[in-house]
N, C-alpha and C. Protein backbone atom coordinates (compact mmCIF):
# COMPACT_ATOMS: atom_id res chain seq x y z
N UNK A 1 -16.73 3.61 0.45
CA UNK A 1 -15.13 4.12 0.38
C UNK A 1 -14.45 3.08 0.28
N UNK A 2 -13.81 2.44 -1.26
CA UNK A 2 -12.98 1.38 -1.18
C UNK A 2 -11.68 1.37 -0.71
N UNK A 3 -11.24 0.72 -0.37
CA UNK A 3 -9.85 -0.25 0.52
C UNK A 3 -9.15 -1.17 0.21
N UNK A 4 -8.51 -0.70 -0.26
CA UNK A 4 -7.60 -2.64 -1.12
C UNK A 4 -6.00 -2.75 0.03
N UNK A 5 -5.83 -3.52 -0.15
CA UNK A 5 -4.73 -4.64 0.28
C UNK A 5 -4.51 -5.77 -0.63
N UNK A 6 -3.47 -5.85 -1.23
CA UNK A 6 -2.59 -6.12 -2.17
C UNK A 6 -1.43 -6.88 -1.66
N UNK A 7 -1.14 -8.67 -1.77
CA UNK A 7 -0.31 -9.07 -0.71
C UNK A 7 -0.31 -10.66 -0.68
N UNK A 8 0.84 -11.25 0.04
CA UNK A 8 0.87 -12.92 0.30
C UNK A 8 0.12 -12.41 1.58
N UNK A 9 -0.89 -13.26 2.16
CA UNK A 9 -1.67 -13.40 3.00
C UNK A 9 -0.62 -14.52 4.43
N UNK A 10 0.31 -14.00 4.30
CA UNK A 10 0.93 -14.79 5.88
C UNK A 10 1.00 -13.16 6.76
N UNK A 11 1.73 -13.76 8.04
CA UNK A 11 1.36 -13.26 9.21
C UNK A 11 1.36 -11.94 9.14
N UNK A 12 3.25 -11.86 8.76
CA UNK A 12 4.00 -10.64 7.82
C UNK A 12 3.02 -9.26 7.62
N UNK A 13 2.31 -9.97 7.29
CA UNK A 13 1.38 -8.68 6.24
C UNK A 13 0.77 -7.72 7.07
N UNK A 14 0.43 -8.21 8.03
CA UNK A 14 -0.12 -7.66 9.27
C UNK A 14 -1.79 -7.77 8.46
N UNK A 15 -2.26 -8.39 7.48
CA UNK A 15 -3.90 -8.07 6.77
C UNK A 15 -4.95 -8.48 8.25
N UNK A 16 -4.44 -9.03 9.58
CA UNK A 16 -5.20 -9.60 10.56
C UNK A 16 -5.32 -8.12 10.84
N UNK A 17 -4.50 -7.02 11.19
CA UNK A 17 -4.62 -5.63 12.04
C UNK A 17 -5.63 -4.94 10.78
N UNK A 18 -5.14 -4.97 10.07
CA UNK A 18 -6.33 -4.37 8.77
C UNK A 18 -7.84 -4.69 8.75
N UNK A 19 -7.87 -6.15 9.12
CA UNK A 19 -9.32 -6.50 9.17
C UNK A 19 -9.61 -6.42 10.59
N UNK A 20 -9.17 -6.13 11.80
CA UNK A 20 -9.41 -5.60 12.65
C UNK A 20 -10.31 -4.16 12.72
N UNK A 21 -9.18 -3.25 12.30
CA UNK A 21 -9.41 -1.93 12.23
C UNK A 21 -10.83 -1.33 11.73
N UNK A 22 -10.78 -2.35 10.41
CA UNK A 22 -12.39 -2.32 10.16
C UNK A 22 -13.14 -2.27 10.38
N UNK A 23 -13.26 -3.87 11.29
CA UNK A 23 -14.32 -4.41 12.19
C UNK A 23 -14.63 -3.07 13.02
N UNK A 24 -13.80 -2.10 13.93
CA UNK A 24 -13.47 -1.21 14.97
C UNK A 24 -14.20 -0.47 14.61
N UNK A 25 -13.76 0.64 13.19
CA UNK A 25 -14.36 1.69 12.74
C UNK A 25 -16.31 1.77 12.21
N UNK A 26 -17.01 0.42 12.43
CA UNK A 26 -18.89 1.02 12.36
C UNK A 26 -18.78 1.57 11.11
N UNK A 27 -17.79 1.52 10.55
CA UNK A 27 -18.76 2.52 9.28
C UNK A 27 -19.13 1.40 7.93
N UNK A 28 -20.82 2.26 7.76
CA UNK A 28 -21.33 1.18 6.46
C UNK A 28 -21.00 1.83 4.99
N UNK A 29 -19.96 2.64 5.14
CA UNK A 29 -19.77 3.15 3.99
C UNK A 29 -18.24 2.65 3.12
N UNK A 30 -17.62 1.48 3.40
CA UNK A 30 -16.62 1.08 3.24
C UNK A 30 -16.52 -0.54 2.91
N UNK A 31 -15.78 -0.68 1.84
CA UNK A 31 -15.57 -2.01 1.30
C UNK A 31 -14.23 -2.42 1.40
N UNK A 32 -13.71 -3.61 2.23
CA UNK A 32 -12.01 -4.04 1.11
C UNK A 32 -12.13 -4.84 0.67
N UNK A 33 -11.14 -4.76 -0.40
CA UNK A 33 -10.51 -5.72 -1.51
C UNK A 33 -9.40 -6.23 -1.16
N UNK A 34 -9.58 -7.59 -0.84
CA UNK A 34 -8.34 -8.65 -0.21
C UNK A 34 -7.96 -8.76 -1.63
N UNK A 35 -6.99 -8.87 -2.09
CA UNK A 35 -5.70 -9.23 -3.23
C UNK A 35 -4.93 -10.30 -2.67
N UNK A 36 -5.13 -11.67 -3.08
CA UNK A 36 -3.87 -12.26 -2.71
C UNK A 36 -4.36 -13.49 -2.17
N UNK A 37 -2.99 -14.42 -2.12
CA UNK A 37 -3.53 -15.82 -1.12
C UNK A 37 -2.37 -16.38 -0.36
N UNK A 38 -2.85 -16.90 0.88
CA UNK A 38 -0.93 -17.81 1.28
C UNK A 38 -2.03 -18.31 2.51
N UNK A 39 -0.67 -18.72 3.07
CA UNK A 39 -1.14 -19.75 4.95
C UNK A 39 -2.28 -18.47 5.32
N UNK A 40 -2.44 -17.54 5.52
CA UNK A 40 -3.72 -17.05 6.64
C UNK A 40 -5.00 -16.81 5.84
N UNK A 41 -5.28 -17.17 4.54
CA UNK A 41 -6.38 -16.78 3.88
C UNK A 41 -7.47 -17.50 4.90
N UNK A 42 -7.64 -18.61 4.88
CA UNK A 42 -8.36 -18.86 5.74
C UNK A 42 -8.64 -18.74 7.60
N UNK A 43 -7.79 -18.17 7.62
CA UNK A 43 -8.38 -17.74 9.03
C UNK A 43 -8.47 -16.54 8.95
N UNK A 44 -8.14 -15.61 8.13
CA UNK A 44 -8.54 -14.32 7.71
C UNK A 44 -10.37 -14.43 7.59
N UNK A 45 -10.61 -15.53 6.86
CA UNK A 45 -11.77 -15.74 6.38
C UNK A 45 -12.80 -15.84 7.53
N UNK A 46 -12.19 -16.75 7.93
CA UNK A 46 -12.57 -17.13 9.76
C UNK A 46 -13.09 -16.15 10.67
N UNK A 47 -12.17 -15.33 10.97
CA UNK A 47 -12.16 -13.50 11.01
C UNK A 47 -12.57 -12.80 10.51
N UNK A 48 -13.53 -12.47 9.64
CA UNK A 48 -14.06 -11.68 9.31
C UNK A 48 -15.26 -12.40 9.17
N UNK A 49 -16.10 -13.29 9.41
CA UNK A 49 -17.29 -13.95 9.72
C UNK A 49 -17.69 -14.11 11.22
N UNK A 50 -16.48 -14.42 11.81
CA UNK A 50 -16.69 -13.97 13.32
C UNK A 50 -16.86 -12.46 13.80
N UNK A 51 -16.53 -11.50 12.87
CA UNK A 51 -16.83 -10.16 13.32
C UNK A 51 -17.84 -9.40 12.75
N UNK A 52 -18.65 -10.68 12.43
CA UNK A 52 -19.39 -10.08 11.21
C UNK A 52 -19.25 -9.02 10.68
N UNK A 53 -18.55 -9.43 9.72
CA UNK A 53 -18.26 -7.75 8.99
C UNK A 53 -17.44 -8.75 7.56
N UNK A 54 -18.23 -9.67 7.08
CA UNK A 54 -18.10 -10.34 5.78
C UNK A 54 -18.93 -9.87 4.82
N UNK A 55 -19.28 -8.90 4.80
CA UNK A 55 -20.06 -8.11 4.09
C UNK A 55 -19.29 -7.42 3.52
N UNK A 56 -18.26 -6.59 4.17
CA UNK A 56 -17.13 -5.36 4.11
C UNK A 56 -15.99 -5.96 3.63
N UNK A 57 -15.53 -7.32 3.46
CA UNK A 57 -14.10 -7.73 3.06
C UNK A 57 -14.91 -8.53 1.96
N UNK A 58 -13.63 -8.26 1.03
CA UNK A 58 -13.71 -9.37 -0.57
C UNK A 58 -12.30 -9.95 -0.70
N UNK A 59 -12.50 -11.24 -0.40
CA UNK A 59 -11.32 -11.47 -1.43
C UNK A 59 -11.15 -12.45 -1.97
N UNK A 60 -10.25 -11.82 -3.29
CA UNK A 60 -10.29 -11.68 -4.22
C UNK A 60 -9.40 -13.45 -4.62
N UNK A 61 -8.66 -13.54 -4.21
CA UNK A 61 -7.37 -14.69 -4.17
C UNK A 61 -6.76 -14.15 -5.22
N UNK A 62 -5.32 -14.92 -5.53
CA UNK A 62 -4.05 -14.42 -6.40
C UNK A 62 -4.62 -14.20 -7.72
N UNK A 63 -4.97 -13.55 -8.36
CA UNK A 63 -5.15 -12.77 -9.95
C UNK A 63 -3.83 -12.68 -10.26
N UNK A 64 -4.44 -12.63 -11.90
CA UNK A 64 -3.10 -12.12 -12.65
C UNK A 64 -3.06 -10.80 -12.78
N UNK A 65 -1.73 -10.07 -12.39
CA UNK A 65 -1.29 -8.84 -12.28
C UNK A 65 -2.42 -7.95 -12.85
N UNK A 66 -2.58 -8.08 -14.74
CA UNK A 66 -3.20 -7.01 -14.92
C UNK A 66 -4.92 -7.04 -14.19
N UNK A 67 -4.96 -7.76 -14.03
CA UNK A 67 -6.40 -8.02 -12.98
C UNK A 67 -6.22 -7.14 -11.93
N UNK A 68 -5.25 -8.00 -10.84
CA UNK A 68 -5.28 -6.98 -9.62
C UNK A 68 -4.83 -5.64 -9.99
N UNK A 69 -4.48 -4.65 -10.80
CA UNK A 69 -4.00 -3.74 -10.94
C UNK A 69 -5.23 -2.97 -11.41
N UNK A 70 -6.15 -4.19 -11.94
CA UNK A 70 -7.52 -2.72 -12.75
C UNK A 70 -8.09 -2.93 -10.98
N UNK A 71 -8.08 -3.35 -10.58
CA UNK A 71 -8.87 -4.22 -9.26
C UNK A 71 -8.33 -2.21 -7.93
N UNK A 72 -6.60 -2.38 -8.05
CA UNK A 72 -6.23 -1.98 -6.85
C UNK A 72 -6.85 -0.32 -7.74
N UNK A 73 -7.19 -0.21 -8.97
CA UNK A 73 -7.64 1.37 -9.46
C UNK A 73 -8.65 1.81 -10.00
N UNK A 74 -9.46 0.86 -9.18
CA UNK A 74 -10.83 1.18 -8.34
C UNK A 74 -11.23 1.31 -7.28
N UNK A 75 -9.58 1.02 -6.04
CA UNK A 75 -9.87 1.71 -4.67
C UNK A 75 -9.55 3.16 -4.75
N UNK A 76 -10.06 3.68 -3.24
CA UNK A 76 -9.96 4.79 -2.74
C UNK A 76 -8.67 4.87 -1.98
N UNK A 77 -8.00 3.99 -1.40
CA UNK A 77 -6.91 3.74 -0.46
C UNK A 77 -6.49 2.43 -0.77
N UNK A 78 -5.01 3.08 -0.62
CA UNK A 78 -4.37 1.33 -0.39
C UNK A 78 -4.23 1.22 0.92
N UNK A 79 -3.56 -0.06 1.81
CA UNK A 79 -3.13 -0.11 3.00
C UNK A 79 -2.25 -1.06 2.63
N UNK A 80 -1.15 -0.77 3.24
CA UNK A 80 -0.03 -1.86 3.44
C UNK A 80 0.44 -1.87 5.11
N UNK A 81 -0.17 -3.13 5.84
CA UNK A 81 -0.07 -2.61 7.47
C UNK A 81 1.58 -4.14 7.58
N UNK A 82 2.58 -4.23 6.86
CA UNK A 82 2.89 -5.07 6.81
C UNK A 82 4.09 -5.02 8.23
N UNK A 83 4.95 -5.86 8.69
CA UNK A 83 5.46 -5.79 9.91
C UNK A 83 7.05 -5.62 9.21
N UNK A 84 7.20 -6.20 8.47
CA UNK A 84 8.75 -5.76 7.84
C UNK A 84 8.46 -6.12 6.54
N UNK A 85 9.61 -5.64 5.78
CA UNK A 85 9.38 -5.08 4.37
C UNK A 85 10.89 -5.18 3.54
N UNK A 86 10.99 -4.87 1.79
CA UNK A 86 12.34 -4.76 2.03
C UNK A 86 11.91 -3.72 0.87
N UNK A 87 11.74 -3.40 -0.63
CA UNK A 87 10.62 -2.13 -1.02
C UNK A 87 9.38 -2.84 -1.39
N UNK A 88 8.54 -2.26 -0.65
CA UNK A 88 6.66 -3.20 -0.99
C UNK A 88 6.95 -2.44 -2.56
N UNK A 89 6.50 -4.12 -2.96
CA UNK A 89 5.97 -3.78 -4.72
C UNK A 89 4.99 -3.24 -4.49
N UNK A 90 3.98 -3.22 -3.79
CA UNK A 90 2.43 -2.83 -3.87
C UNK A 90 2.46 -1.83 -3.16
N UNK A 91 3.12 -0.92 -2.41
CA UNK A 91 3.18 0.34 -2.21
C UNK A 91 2.92 1.11 -3.45
N UNK A 92 4.63 0.27 -4.08
CA UNK A 92 4.73 1.28 -5.29
C UNK A 92 3.84 1.24 -6.72
N UNK A 93 3.22 -0.11 -6.39
CA UNK A 93 1.97 0.03 -7.35
C UNK A 93 0.83 1.30 -6.77
N UNK A 94 0.18 1.07 -5.49
CA UNK A 94 -0.52 2.55 -5.37
C UNK A 94 -0.26 3.44 -5.38
N UNK A 95 1.38 3.31 -5.83
CA UNK A 95 1.88 5.07 -5.65
C UNK A 95 1.16 5.44 -7.67
N UNK A 96 1.84 4.86 -8.66
CA UNK A 96 1.66 4.63 -9.36
C UNK A 96 0.38 4.69 -10.56
N UNK A 97 -0.83 3.99 -9.60
CA UNK A 97 -1.87 3.94 -9.62
C UNK A 97 -2.86 5.17 -9.15
N UNK A 98 -1.94 6.16 -8.31
CA UNK A 98 -2.74 7.71 -7.68
C UNK A 98 -3.39 7.55 -6.41
N UNK A 99 -2.75 6.35 -5.86
CA UNK A 99 -4.30 5.62 -4.93
C UNK A 99 -3.63 6.87 -2.86
N UNK A 100 -4.53 7.11 -2.33
CA UNK A 100 -4.41 7.57 -1.33
C UNK A 100 -3.42 5.78 -0.50
N UNK A 101 -2.12 6.07 0.21
CA UNK A 101 -1.57 5.27 0.80
C UNK A 101 -1.11 5.70 2.28
N UNK A 102 -1.91 4.34 3.23
CA UNK A 102 -0.82 3.70 4.35
C UNK A 102 -0.68 2.76 4.30
N UNK A 103 0.24 2.97 4.99
CA UNK A 103 1.73 1.99 5.20
C UNK A 103 2.22 1.79 6.46
N UNK A 104 3.10 0.88 6.46
CA UNK A 104 3.84 0.77 7.95
C UNK A 104 5.47 0.91 7.67
N UNK A 105 5.88 1.92 8.41
CA UNK A 105 7.01 2.45 8.49
C UNK A 105 7.95 1.54 8.31
N UNK A 106 8.63 0.57 7.76
CA UNK A 106 9.15 -0.80 7.65
C UNK A 106 9.90 -0.55 6.72
N UNK A 107 11.48 -0.72 6.30
CA UNK A 107 11.83 -1.31 5.87
C UNK A 107 12.02 -0.32 4.25
N UNK A 108 12.18 -0.52 3.08
CA UNK A 108 12.26 0.92 2.80
C UNK A 108 11.12 1.12 1.86
N UNK A 109 9.64 1.24 2.70
CA UNK A 109 8.44 1.87 2.24
C UNK A 109 8.48 3.81 2.51
N UNK A 110 9.38 3.63 3.61
CA UNK A 110 9.86 5.41 3.02
C UNK A 110 10.39 5.64 1.82
N UNK A 111 11.00 4.85 1.14
CA UNK A 111 11.35 5.22 0.22
C UNK A 111 10.79 5.41 -0.80
N UNK A 112 9.26 5.08 -1.00
CA UNK A 112 8.32 5.51 -2.01
C UNK A 112 7.20 6.90 -1.52
N UNK A 113 6.94 6.11 -0.54
CA UNK A 113 6.18 7.04 0.83
C UNK A 113 6.58 7.91 1.90
N UNK A 114 6.97 9.34 1.70
CA UNK A 114 7.32 9.27 2.69
C UNK A 114 6.28 10.44 4.19
N UNK A 115 5.35 10.48 3.81
CA UNK A 115 4.58 10.65 5.04
C UNK A 115 3.97 11.63 4.96
N UNK A 116 4.28 13.11 3.87
CA UNK A 116 4.80 14.69 3.43
C UNK A 116 3.57 14.34 2.70
N UNK A 117 2.05 14.62 2.64
CA UNK A 117 1.37 15.19 1.89
C UNK A 117 1.55 14.42 0.57
N UNK A 118 2.21 12.78 1.46
CA UNK A 118 1.61 11.99 0.29
C UNK A 118 1.50 10.47 0.81
N UNK A 119 0.92 10.07 2.13
CA UNK A 119 0.41 9.32 2.17
C UNK A 119 0.65 8.95 3.90
N UNK A 120 0.55 8.48 4.41
CA UNK A 120 0.71 8.63 5.79
C UNK A 120 1.51 6.66 6.34
N UNK A 121 2.76 7.09 6.99
CA UNK A 121 3.38 5.76 7.55
C UNK A 121 3.04 6.21 8.67
N UNK A 122 2.81 4.09 8.84
CA UNK A 122 2.65 4.65 10.64
C UNK A 122 3.60 3.33 11.20
N UNK A 123 2.98 3.19 12.95
CA UNK A 123 4.28 2.05 13.13
C UNK A 123 3.35 0.78 12.57
N UNK A 124 4.25 -0.19 12.52
CA UNK A 124 3.15 -1.56 12.54
C UNK A 124 2.76 -2.38 13.79
N UNK A 125 1.90 -2.97 13.68
CA UNK A 125 0.89 -3.61 14.85
C UNK A 125 0.02 -2.47 15.76
N UNK A 126 0.05 -1.05 15.11
CA UNK A 126 -0.77 0.21 15.79
C UNK A 126 -2.30 -0.03 15.16
N UNK A 127 -3.19 -0.55 15.73
CA UNK A 127 -4.55 -0.74 14.74
C UNK A 127 -5.07 0.10 15.05
N UNK A 128 -4.98 1.18 16.34
CA UNK A 128 -5.33 2.84 16.59
C UNK A 128 -4.94 3.81 15.60
N UNK A 129 -3.69 3.78 15.65
CA UNK A 129 -3.29 4.61 14.68
C UNK A 129 -3.49 4.37 13.12
N UNK A 130 -3.90 3.17 11.95
CA UNK A 130 -4.37 2.73 11.21
C UNK A 130 -6.04 2.85 11.20
N UNK A 131 -6.30 2.70 12.53
CA UNK A 131 -7.32 3.32 12.04
C UNK A 131 -8.20 4.37 12.11
N UNK A 132 -7.72 5.37 13.01
CA UNK A 132 -7.73 6.43 12.61
C UNK A 132 -6.42 7.43 11.11
N UNK A 133 -5.87 6.63 10.81
CA UNK A 133 -5.87 7.17 9.34
C UNK A 133 -6.53 6.56 8.01
N UNK A 134 -7.28 5.63 8.08
CA UNK A 134 -8.34 5.18 7.40
C UNK A 134 -9.47 6.21 7.80
N UNK A 135 -10.28 6.38 9.05
CA UNK A 135 -11.05 7.32 9.22
C UNK A 135 -10.62 8.88 8.59
N UNK A 136 -9.05 8.92 8.76
CA UNK A 136 -9.02 10.39 7.76
C UNK A 136 -9.14 10.87 6.89
N UNK A 137 -9.01 9.58 5.74
CA UNK A 137 -8.90 9.15 4.24
C UNK A 137 -10.43 9.82 3.81
N UNK A 138 -11.51 8.61 4.78
CA UNK A 138 -12.39 8.63 4.17
C UNK A 138 -12.99 9.86 4.26
N UNK A 139 -13.47 10.60 5.45
CA UNK A 139 -13.67 12.29 5.63
C UNK A 139 -12.90 12.99 5.18
N UNK A 140 -12.13 13.43 4.28
CA UNK A 140 -11.69 13.92 3.75
C UNK A 140 -11.27 13.57 1.64
N UNK A 141 -11.98 13.61 1.13
CA UNK A 141 -11.23 12.83 -0.14
C UNK A 141 -10.52 13.64 -0.79
N UNK A 142 -10.69 14.47 -0.39
CA UNK A 142 -10.05 15.97 -1.17
C UNK A 142 -8.25 15.77 -0.87
N UNK A 143 -8.38 14.75 1.22
CA UNK A 143 -6.66 14.76 1.10
C UNK A 143 -6.44 12.84 0.35
N UNK A 144 -7.51 12.41 -0.17
CA UNK A 144 -7.08 10.71 -0.30
C UNK A 144 -6.99 11.42 -2.39
N UNK A 145 -7.24 12.55 -2.99
CA UNK A 145 -6.75 13.00 -3.86
C UNK A 145 -4.82 13.17 -4.29
N UNK A 146 -5.30 14.50 -3.21
CA UNK A 146 -3.91 14.86 -3.62
C UNK A 146 -2.60 14.27 -2.69
N UNK A 147 -2.86 13.43 -1.22
CA UNK A 147 -1.97 11.90 -1.48
C UNK A 147 -0.95 11.05 -3.11
N UNK A 148 -2.88 10.88 -3.62
CA UNK A 148 -2.50 10.03 -4.65
C UNK A 148 -1.62 10.44 -5.98
N UNK A 149 -1.85 12.15 -5.81
CA UNK A 149 -1.43 12.70 -7.17
C UNK A 149 0.60 12.52 -6.95
N UNK A 150 0.35 13.28 -5.16
CA UNK A 150 1.94 13.18 -5.02
C UNK A 150 2.32 12.19 -5.14
N UNK A 151 2.20 11.22 -4.50
CA UNK A 151 2.69 10.38 -4.25
C UNK A 151 3.23 9.47 -6.03
N UNK A 152 1.77 9.35 -6.85
CA UNK A 152 2.17 9.28 -7.86
C UNK A 152 3.88 9.66 -8.79
N UNK A 153 3.65 10.83 -8.08
CA UNK A 153 4.92 12.11 -8.66
C UNK A 153 6.08 12.14 -8.53
N UNK A 154 6.52 11.51 -7.17
CA UNK A 154 7.11 11.07 -6.23
C UNK A 154 7.53 9.75 -6.49
N UNK A 155 6.90 8.87 -7.12
CA UNK A 155 7.45 7.39 -7.69
C UNK A 155 7.41 7.32 -9.04
N UNK A 156 7.10 8.32 -10.02
CA UNK A 156 7.67 8.68 -11.23
C UNK A 156 9.21 9.54 -11.42
N UNK A 157 9.25 9.90 -10.55
CA UNK A 157 10.68 10.35 -9.98
C UNK A 157 11.64 9.66 -9.78
N UNK A 158 10.81 9.15 -8.00
CA UNK A 158 11.80 7.58 -8.32
C UNK A 158 12.35 6.50 -9.36
N UNK A 159 11.17 6.24 -9.69
CA UNK A 159 11.37 4.81 -10.37
C UNK A 159 10.80 4.74 -11.68
N UNK A 160 11.87 5.88 -12.28
CA UNK A 160 12.11 6.12 -13.78
C UNK A 160 13.25 5.75 -14.67
N UNK A 161 12.67 4.63 -16.01
CA UNK A 161 13.37 4.39 -16.42
C UNK A 161 14.79 5.01 -16.88
N UNK A 162 14.24 5.76 -17.34
CA UNK A 162 15.56 7.35 -17.96
C UNK A 162 15.67 7.86 -17.16
N UNK A 163 15.30 7.64 -15.21
CA UNK A 163 16.45 8.44 -14.95
C UNK A 163 17.49 7.65 -14.14
N UNK A 164 17.22 6.29 -14.17
CA UNK A 164 17.98 5.11 -13.06
C UNK A 164 19.36 5.44 -14.26
N UNK A 165 19.02 5.54 -16.13
CA UNK A 165 19.59 5.67 -17.12
C UNK A 165 19.93 6.25 -16.50
N UNK A 166 19.84 7.30 -16.71
CA UNK A 166 21.25 8.81 -15.99
C UNK A 166 21.47 8.80 -15.97
N UNK A 167 21.38 8.16 -13.96
CA UNK A 167 22.22 7.75 -13.18
C UNK A 167 23.19 7.16 -13.10
N UNK A 168 23.32 5.92 -14.22
CA UNK A 168 24.10 4.45 -14.27
C UNK A 168 24.90 5.44 -15.42
N UNK A 169 24.81 6.21 -16.01
CA UNK A 169 25.48 7.07 -17.05
C UNK A 169 26.03 7.87 -16.44
N UNK A 170 25.80 8.74 -15.91
CA UNK A 170 26.76 9.97 -15.02
C UNK A 170 27.64 8.88 -13.85
N UNK A 171 27.31 7.67 -13.52
CA UNK A 171 28.12 6.79 -12.59
C UNK A 171 28.94 6.39 -13.61
N UNK A 172 29.25 5.73 -14.88
CA UNK A 172 29.84 5.15 -15.70
C UNK A 172 30.85 5.93 -15.75
N UNK A 173 30.32 7.52 -16.66
CA UNK A 173 30.98 8.02 -17.04
C UNK A 173 31.75 9.13 -16.01
N UNK A 174 31.78 9.63 -14.71
CA UNK A 174 32.73 9.50 -14.10
C UNK A 174 33.67 8.54 -13.56
N UNK A 175 33.17 7.32 -13.52
CA UNK A 175 34.09 6.14 -13.44
C UNK A 175 35.78 6.31 -14.73
N UNK A 176 34.99 6.51 -16.20
CA UNK A 176 35.92 6.59 -16.45
C UNK A 176 36.60 7.57 -16.98
N UNK A 177 36.07 9.06 -16.05
CA UNK A 177 36.79 9.65 -16.30
C UNK A 177 38.00 10.30 -15.50
N UNK A 178 38.14 9.54 -14.44
CA UNK A 178 38.48 9.18 -13.60
C UNK A 178 40.02 7.89 -12.90
N UNK A 179 39.48 6.84 -14.22
CA UNK A 179 40.31 6.21 -14.42
C UNK A 179 41.63 6.50 -14.52
N UNK A 180 42.74 5.57 -14.39
CA UNK A 180 43.96 5.79 -13.97
C UNK A 180 45.18 4.91 -15.48
N UNK A 181 45.29 5.43 -16.24
CA UNK A 181 45.72 5.00 -17.94
C UNK A 181 47.22 4.81 -16.80
């Protein structure tokens, strides 16, 4: 089972929580792709070595967009264990790639993943909950497929250019109809 993280490797992204959770899983059937770089990269690589899981975690560094998305498409599960977010691009990208998503319930994440049959929303810094949800998705491949399809449908509905254009048109039409002459 391939687990993917895409993002800047900074403390607030919770990547070390993901690595800790994976080390505690004691599963041989997983590999984690970490795509991105940043000031925490050296520490995270050292951590994987100390936890003796360097064979389960592959650091890709910064990649061009199309390569990062290509790698994300090979994943079974996308994880965003961030402590704070605005509207996380990586979660939107995972939804559009039809991936099962585990993300922290911070910022605008709930605008992408509701946590109702389209992915899991977890508490930030909750390694036990993260492990539990990873195990659930590893053990239930049919749930990964359902979550991925549902997340895709939701993202397409919420982040469609046509939908956005229609909403803007409705607002402009209402403004024109209600203007005072």
